[in-house]
Amino acid sequence: MPDKTIICKDCHKEFTFTEGEQAFYREKGFQNDPLRCPECRRARKHERHSGSKDFRK
């Protein structure tokens, strides 16, 4: 499979979904290509993990 160029759903920048990443996704059973670039995925993951665990307020 050749590399794919995808537009990020959040920042609208192009990113490359490499052949190796595609193989990893297939191996894990993921059926859809990523919608977000690596930076936006990282930011989204950090946002989910940092804000929701502080119940001491």
Protein backbone atom coordinates (compact mmCIF):
# COMPACT_ATOMS: atom_id res chain seq x y z
CA MET A 1 0.00 0.00 0.00
CA PRO A 2 1.38 3.41 -0.86
CA ASP A 3 1.48 6.25 1.66
CA LYS A 4 -1.75 8.27 1.90
CA THR A 5 -2.10 12.01 2.36
CA ILE A 6 -4.97 12.86 4.70
CA ILE A 7 -6.39 16.21 5.86
CA CYS A 8 -6.70 16.49 9.66
CA LYS A 9 -10.27 16.97 10.86
CA ASP A 10 -9.17 19.39 13.62
CA CYS A 11 -6.34 21.57 12.26
CA HIS A 12 -6.99 20.97 8.51
CA LYS A 13 -3.30 20.33 7.80
CA GLU A 14 -2.15 17.53 5.53
CA PHE A 15 -0.38 14.58 7.11
CA THR A 16 1.00 11.34 5.71
CA PHE A 17 -0.46 8.00 6.74
CA THR A 18 2.56 5.85 5.96
CA GLU A 19 2.60 2.33 4.65
CA GLY A 20 3.94 1.14 8.00
CA GLU A 21 1.17 2.91 9.94
CA GLN A 22 -1.41 1.37 7.61
CA ALA A 23 0.02 -2.09 8.31
CA PHE A 24 -0.12 -1.40 12.06
CA TYR A 25 -3.78 -0.31 11.80
CA ARG A 26 -4.64 -3.48 9.83
CA GLU A 27 -2.77 -5.64 12.36
CA LYS A 28 -4.76 -4.08 15.23
CA GLY A 29 -8.03 -4.59 13.35
CA PHE A 30 -8.76 -0.88 12.85
CA GLN A 31 -11.02 -0.46 9.84
CA ASN A 32 -10.85 3.32 9.39
CA ASP A 33 -7.98 5.62 8.53
CA PRO A 34 -7.09 8.20 11.19
CA LEU A 35 -9.04 11.47 11.06
CA ARG A 36 -6.51 13.53 13.02
CA CYS A 37 -2.81 14.22 12.50
CA PRO A 38 -0.38 12.84 15.11
CA GLU A 39 -0.14 16.23 16.87
CA CYS A 40 -3.91 16.60 17.19
CA ARG A 41 -4.27 12.96 18.30
CA ARG A 42 -1.65 13.55 20.99
CA ALA A 43 -3.33 16.80 22.13
CA ARG A 44 -6.75 15.14 22.22
CA LYS A 45 -5.42 12.18 24.21
CA HIS A 46 -3.68 14.51 26.67
CA GLU A 47 -6.87 16.57 27.04
CA ARG A 48 -8.93 13.47 27.81
CA HIS A 49 -6.46 12.17 30.39
CA SER A 50 -5.58 15.40 32.16
CA GLY A 51 -8.96 16.99 32.79
CA SER A 52 -11.18 14.11 33.77
CA LYS A 53 -9.32 12.51 36.68
CA ASP A 54 -9.25 15.31 39.26
CA PHE A 55 -12.34 14.70 41.42
CA ARG A 56 -11.04 16.60 44.46
CA LYS A 57 -12.61 19.96 43.58
